[in-house]
Amino acid sequence: MHEDSAVSALAALAHAQRLRVFRALVVAGTGGLTPSQLADQLEVSRSNLSFHLKELATAGLVSVEQQGRNLIYRAAYDQMNALLGYLTEHCCAGGDCVVSEPLRCSC
C-alpha cells in the first residue's frame, strides 16, 4: 500500500459514523449487508448512510455489488489488511513483536 492510499483510508475511517459502518461490514463477513440493513442496524438515516458508504468506497475500504434490485456492501478485507500491514510494516524495528496486551506491541 502506498502512503496516499493509507492516508485516504485513514481519513475515511476518521469519522465515527464511517468507522461504525465499516466495523458493521467487517462483522457481517463476506455476505455483506444492504443499505437498509445497515441503516436499521446502526439507526441512521439512509441518506446519511449513503454519504458515508460513498466515502468508504472511494477510499477502497468497501465494495458494492448489485444483486437484483439490491446493493450489497462488503468490507474490502484486502484493503483493510493492506492498511494494517502498512501501519505495522516497520513495527519493532523489523524484529518480532510480542503482544503483551490487546493492540499494544512490546518490543
N, C-alpha and C. Protein backbone atom coordinates (compact mmCIF):
# COMPACT_ATOMS: atom_id res chain seq x y z
N MET A 1 0.85 -1.17 0.00
CA MET A 1 0.00 0.00 0.00
C MET A 1 0.89 1.24 0.00
N HIS A 2 0.51 2.21 -0.79
CA HIS A 2 1.25 3.47 -0.84
C HIS A 2 0.73 4.43 0.21
N GLU A 3 1.55 5.40 0.53
CA GLU A 3 1.20 6.38 1.55
C GLU A 3 -0.12 7.10 1.23
N ASP A 4 -0.33 7.48 -0.03
CA ASP A 4 -1.57 8.18 -0.40
C ASP A 4 -2.81 7.33 -0.12
N SER A 5 -2.72 6.05 -0.41
CA SER A 5 -3.85 5.15 -0.14
C SER A 5 -4.10 5.00 1.35
N ALA A 6 -3.02 4.92 2.12
CA ALA A 6 -3.15 4.81 3.57
C ALA A 6 -3.79 6.07 4.15
N VAL A 7 -3.37 7.23 3.68
CA VAL A 7 -3.94 8.49 4.16
C VAL A 7 -5.43 8.56 3.81
N SER A 8 -5.79 8.16 2.60
CA SER A 8 -7.19 8.16 2.17
C SER A 8 -8.03 7.24 3.05
N ALA A 9 -7.53 6.04 3.30
CA ALA A 9 -8.26 5.08 4.13
C ALA A 9 -8.39 5.57 5.56
N LEU A 10 -7.31 6.10 6.11
CA LEU A 10 -7.37 6.60 7.48
C LEU A 10 -8.30 7.80 7.60
N ALA A 11 -8.29 8.66 6.60
CA ALA A 11 -9.19 9.82 6.61
C ALA A 11 -10.65 9.36 6.57
N ALA A 12 -10.93 8.35 5.77
CA ALA A 12 -12.30 7.83 5.70
C ALA A 12 -12.73 7.24 7.03
N LEU A 13 -11.83 6.58 7.72
CA LEU A 13 -12.16 5.95 9.00
C LEU A 13 -12.13 6.94 10.17
N ALA A 14 -11.67 8.15 9.92
CA ALA A 14 -11.53 9.14 10.99
C ALA A 14 -12.84 9.88 11.25
N HIS A 15 -13.94 9.23 10.99
CA HIS A 15 -15.27 9.77 11.28
C HIS A 15 -16.03 8.67 12.01
N ALA A 16 -16.63 9.00 13.12
CA ALA A 16 -17.26 7.97 13.96
C ALA A 16 -18.30 7.15 13.21
N GLN A 17 -19.15 7.80 12.43
CA GLN A 17 -20.20 7.05 11.73
C GLN A 17 -19.61 6.13 10.67
N ARG A 18 -18.60 6.59 9.94
CA ARG A 18 -17.98 5.73 8.93
C ARG A 18 -17.26 4.56 9.58
N LEU A 19 -16.65 4.80 10.71
CA LEU A 19 -15.99 3.71 11.43
C LEU A 19 -17.01 2.67 11.88
N ARG A 20 -18.17 3.12 12.35
CA ARG A 20 -19.23 2.19 12.74
C ARG A 20 -19.72 1.38 11.53
N VAL A 21 -19.90 2.05 10.41
CA VAL A 21 -20.34 1.37 9.19
C VAL A 21 -19.32 0.32 8.78
N PHE A 22 -18.05 0.71 8.75
CA PHE A 22 -17.01 -0.22 8.34
C PHE A 22 -16.95 -1.42 9.28
N ARG A 23 -17.01 -1.17 10.57
CA ARG A 23 -16.97 -2.27 11.54
C ARG A 23 -18.16 -3.20 11.37
N ALA A 24 -19.34 -2.63 11.11
CA ALA A 24 -20.52 -3.47 10.89
C ALA A 24 -20.34 -4.36 9.67
N LEU A 25 -19.72 -3.82 8.62
CA LEU A 25 -19.48 -4.62 7.42
C LEU A 25 -18.42 -5.70 7.67
N VAL A 26 -17.42 -5.39 8.47
CA VAL A 26 -16.41 -6.39 8.82
C VAL A 26 -17.07 -7.53 9.59
N VAL A 27 -17.93 -7.20 10.54
CA VAL A 27 -18.63 -8.21 11.33
C VAL A 27 -19.57 -9.03 10.45
N ALA A 28 -20.20 -8.40 9.47
CA ALA A 28 -21.14 -9.10 8.58
C ALA A 28 -20.47 -10.16 7.74
N GLY A 29 -19.17 -10.02 7.51
CA GLY A 29 -18.45 -11.01 6.73
C GLY A 29 -18.65 -10.85 5.24
N THR A 30 -18.35 -11.90 4.52
CA THR A 30 -18.36 -11.83 3.06
C THR A 30 -19.76 -11.74 2.47
N GLY A 31 -20.77 -12.03 3.26
CA GLY A 31 -22.14 -11.90 2.79
C GLY A 31 -22.56 -10.45 2.61
N GLY A 32 -21.94 -9.56 3.36
CA GLY A 32 -22.23 -8.14 3.26
C GLY A 32 -23.61 -7.78 3.78
N LEU A 33 -23.98 -6.52 3.59
CA LEU A 33 -25.26 -6.00 4.04
C LEU A 33 -25.81 -5.02 3.02
N THR A 34 -27.12 -4.92 2.97
CA THR A 34 -27.76 -3.91 2.14
C THR A 34 -27.76 -2.59 2.91
N PRO A 35 -27.91 -1.47 2.21
CA PRO A 35 -28.01 -0.20 2.92
C PRO A 35 -29.16 -0.18 3.93
N SER A 36 -30.28 -0.82 3.60
CA SER A 36 -31.41 -0.86 4.53
C SER A 36 -31.04 -1.61 5.81
N GLN A 37 -30.35 -2.72 5.66
CA GLN A 37 -29.92 -3.48 6.83
C GLN A 37 -28.95 -2.67 7.68
N LEU A 38 -28.01 -2.01 7.02
CA LEU A 38 -27.05 -1.17 7.75
C LEU A 38 -27.74 -0.02 8.47
N ALA A 39 -28.65 0.65 7.78
CA ALA A 39 -29.36 1.79 8.37
C ALA A 39 -30.15 1.35 9.60
N ASP A 40 -30.82 0.22 9.49
CA ASP A 40 -31.59 -0.29 10.62
C ASP A 40 -30.69 -0.69 11.78
N GLN A 41 -29.62 -1.38 11.46
CA GLN A 41 -28.68 -1.86 12.49
C GLN A 41 -28.01 -0.70 13.22
N LEU A 42 -27.61 0.33 12.47
CA LEU A 42 -26.87 1.46 13.05
C LEU A 42 -27.77 2.62 13.46
N GLU A 43 -29.06 2.50 13.14
CA GLU A 43 -30.04 3.53 13.48
C GLU A 43 -29.64 4.90 12.92
N VAL A 44 -29.37 4.91 11.60
CA VAL A 44 -29.04 6.15 10.90
C VAL A 44 -29.97 6.28 9.70
N SER A 45 -30.11 7.51 9.22
CA SER A 45 -30.94 7.72 8.04
C SER A 45 -30.24 7.14 6.81
N ARG A 46 -31.03 6.74 5.86
CA ARG A 46 -30.46 6.16 4.64
C ARG A 46 -29.65 7.17 3.85
N SER A 47 -30.09 8.44 3.85
CA SER A 47 -29.33 9.46 3.11
C SER A 47 -27.98 9.72 3.76
N ASN A 48 -27.95 9.75 5.08
CA ASN A 48 -26.69 9.92 5.80
C ASN A 48 -25.78 8.73 5.55
N LEU A 49 -26.35 7.54 5.61
CA LEU A 49 -25.58 6.32 5.37
C LEU A 49 -25.01 6.30 3.96
N SER A 50 -25.79 6.72 2.98
CA SER A 50 -25.34 6.75 1.60
C SER A 50 -24.08 7.59 1.44
N PHE A 51 -24.06 8.73 2.07
CA PHE A 51 -22.88 9.61 2.03
C PHE A 51 -21.66 8.89 2.59
N HIS A 52 -21.82 8.23 3.73
CA HIS A 52 -20.68 7.57 4.38
C HIS A 52 -20.22 6.34 3.59
N LEU A 53 -21.16 5.60 3.01
CA LEU A 53 -20.77 4.46 2.18
C LEU A 53 -19.97 4.92 0.96
N LYS A 54 -20.37 6.04 0.38
CA LYS A 54 -19.64 6.57 -0.77
C LYS A 54 -18.21 6.93 -0.38
N GLU A 55 -18.04 7.55 0.77
CA GLU A 55 -16.69 7.91 1.23
C GLU A 55 -15.83 6.66 1.46
N LEU A 56 -16.41 5.64 2.07
CA LEU A 56 -15.67 4.40 2.31
C LEU A 56 -15.33 3.70 1.00
N ALA A 57 -16.24 3.74 0.05
CA ALA A 57 -15.98 3.12 -1.26
C ALA A 57 -14.89 3.87 -2.01
N THR A 58 -14.93 5.19 -1.95
CA THR A 58 -13.89 6.00 -2.60
C THR A 58 -12.52 5.70 -2.03
N ALA A 59 -12.46 5.42 -0.74
CA ALA A 59 -11.19 5.09 -0.09
C ALA A 59 -10.80 3.63 -0.33
N GLY A 60 -11.66 2.87 -0.99
CA GLY A 60 -11.34 1.47 -1.29
C GLY A 60 -11.58 0.52 -0.14
N LEU A 61 -12.27 0.98 0.90
CA LEU A 61 -12.49 0.14 2.08
C LEU A 61 -13.74 -0.72 2.00
N VAL A 62 -14.65 -0.38 1.09
CA VAL A 62 -15.83 -1.21 0.88
C VAL A 62 -16.04 -1.42 -0.61
N SER A 63 -16.66 -2.53 -0.93
CA SER A 63 -17.05 -2.79 -2.31
C SER A 63 -18.57 -2.87 -2.35
N VAL A 64 -19.11 -2.66 -3.52
CA VAL A 64 -20.56 -2.70 -3.69
C VAL A 64 -20.88 -3.56 -4.90
N GLU A 65 -21.91 -4.38 -4.76
CA GLU A 65 -22.33 -5.27 -5.84
C GLU A 65 -23.84 -5.19 -5.97
N GLN A 66 -24.30 -5.09 -7.20
CA GLN A 66 -25.74 -5.08 -7.45
C GLN A 66 -26.22 -6.52 -7.53
N GLN A 67 -27.21 -6.86 -6.72
CA GLN A 67 -27.86 -8.18 -6.78
C GLN A 67 -29.35 -7.95 -6.96
N GLY A 68 -29.79 -8.07 -8.19
CA GLY A 68 -31.18 -7.76 -8.49
C GLY A 68 -31.43 -6.28 -8.27
N ARG A 69 -32.40 -5.98 -7.42
CA ARG A 69 -32.68 -4.57 -7.11
C ARG A 69 -31.92 -4.08 -5.89
N ASN A 70 -31.15 -4.94 -5.27
CA ASN A 70 -30.42 -4.57 -4.05
C ASN A 70 -28.95 -4.30 -4.31
N LEU A 71 -28.40 -3.40 -3.53
CA LEU A 71 -26.96 -3.19 -3.48
C LEU A 71 -26.45 -3.91 -2.24
N ILE A 72 -25.37 -4.64 -2.40
CA ILE A 72 -24.76 -5.34 -1.28
C ILE A 72 -23.39 -4.71 -1.05
N TYR A 73 -23.19 -4.20 0.15
CA TYR A 73 -21.90 -3.61 0.53
C TYR A 73 -21.13 -4.62 1.37
N ARG A 74 -19.84 -4.69 1.08
CA ARG A 74 -18.94 -5.60 1.81
C ARG A 74 -17.67 -4.86 2.19
N ALA A 75 -17.10 -5.24 3.31
CA ALA A 75 -15.80 -4.71 3.69
C ALA A 75 -14.77 -5.24 2.69
N ALA A 76 -13.85 -4.40 2.29
CA ALA A 76 -12.76 -4.81 1.40
C ALA A 76 -11.61 -5.30 2.28
N TYR A 77 -11.65 -6.58 2.59
CA TYR A 77 -10.68 -7.15 3.53
C TYR A 77 -9.24 -7.02 3.03
N ASP A 78 -9.05 -7.09 1.70
CA ASP A 78 -7.70 -6.95 1.17
C ASP A 78 -7.15 -5.55 1.47
N GLN A 79 -7.99 -4.52 1.33
CA GLN A 79 -7.57 -3.16 1.64
C GLN A 79 -7.36 -2.98 3.13
N MET A 80 -8.24 -3.56 3.94
CA MET A 80 -8.10 -3.48 5.39
C MET A 80 -6.78 -4.11 5.82
N ASN A 81 -6.48 -5.28 5.28
CA ASN A 81 -5.23 -5.95 5.64
C ASN A 81 -4.02 -5.20 5.11
N ALA A 82 -4.15 -4.59 3.93
CA ALA A 82 -3.04 -3.79 3.39
C ALA A 82 -2.78 -2.59 4.29
N LEU A 83 -3.84 -1.95 4.78
CA LEU A 83 -3.67 -0.81 5.68
C LEU A 83 -3.02 -1.24 6.99
N LEU A 84 -3.47 -2.34 7.54
CA LEU A 84 -2.86 -2.85 8.77
C LEU A 84 -1.39 -3.19 8.53
N GLY A 85 -1.10 -3.80 7.40
CA GLY A 85 0.28 -4.13 7.06
C GLY A 85 1.13 -2.88 6.91
N TYR A 86 0.58 -1.86 6.26
CA TYR A 86 1.30 -0.59 6.10
C TYR A 86 1.61 0.02 7.47
N LEU A 87 0.64 -0.01 8.37
CA LEU A 87 0.82 0.60 9.69
C LEU A 87 1.82 -0.16 10.55
N THR A 88 1.94 -1.45 10.33
CA THR A 88 2.82 -2.25 11.18
C THR A 88 4.08 -2.73 10.46
N GLU A 89 4.30 -2.23 9.26
CA GLU A 89 5.40 -2.70 8.42
C GLU A 89 6.76 -2.63 9.12
N HIS A 90 7.01 -1.59 9.84
CA HIS A 90 8.31 -1.43 10.50
C HIS A 90 8.19 -1.48 12.01
N CYS A 91 7.16 -2.15 12.48
CA CYS A 91 6.94 -2.29 13.92
C CYS A 91 8.15 -2.97 14.57
N CYS A 92 8.53 -2.48 15.69
CA CYS A 92 9.61 -3.07 16.48
C CYS A 92 10.91 -3.15 15.69
N ALA A 93 11.14 -2.15 14.86
CA ALA A 93 12.38 -2.05 14.07
C ALA A 93 12.63 -3.30 13.24
N GLY A 94 11.56 -3.93 12.77
CA GLY A 94 11.70 -5.10 11.92
C GLY A 94 11.86 -6.40 12.67
N GLY A 95 11.97 -6.35 14.00
CA GLY A 95 12.08 -7.57 14.80
C GLY A 95 10.72 -8.14 15.12
N ASP A 96 10.72 -9.31 15.72
CA ASP A 96 9.45 -9.91 16.12
C ASP A 96 8.86 -9.11 17.27
N CYS A 97 7.57 -8.89 17.19
CA CYS A 97 6.85 -8.19 18.24
C CYS A 97 6.12 -9.21 19.10
N VAL A 98 6.11 -8.96 20.37
CA VAL A 98 5.38 -9.81 21.30
C VAL A 98 4.21 -9.00 21.82
N VAL A 99 3.03 -9.50 21.60
CA VAL A 99 1.84 -8.78 22.06
C VAL A 99 1.66 -9.06 23.54
N SER A 100 1.73 -7.98 24.34
CA SER A 100 1.58 -8.14 25.78
C SER A 100 0.17 -7.81 26.23
N GLU A 101 -0.50 -6.96 25.51
CA GLU A 101 -1.88 -6.59 25.78
C GLU A 101 -2.56 -6.40 24.42
N PRO A 102 -3.88 -6.47 24.40
CA PRO A 102 -4.55 -6.24 23.10
C PRO A 102 -4.16 -4.90 22.49
N LEU A 103 -3.80 -4.93 21.22
CA LEU A 103 -3.46 -3.75 20.42
C LEU A 103 -2.21 -3.02 20.89
N ARG A 104 -1.38 -3.64 21.69
CA ARG A 104 -0.13 -3.00 22.10
C ARG A 104 1.02 -3.93 21.77
N CYS A 105 2.08 -3.35 21.32
CA CYS A 105 3.25 -4.12 20.92
C CYS A 105 4.35 -3.94 21.96
N SER A 106 4.94 -5.00 22.41
CA SER A 106 6.04 -4.93 23.36
C SER A 106 7.31 -5.33 22.62
N CYS A 107 8.18 -4.37 22.36
CA CYS A 107 9.39 -4.63 21.56
C CYS A 107 10.57 -4.99 22.42
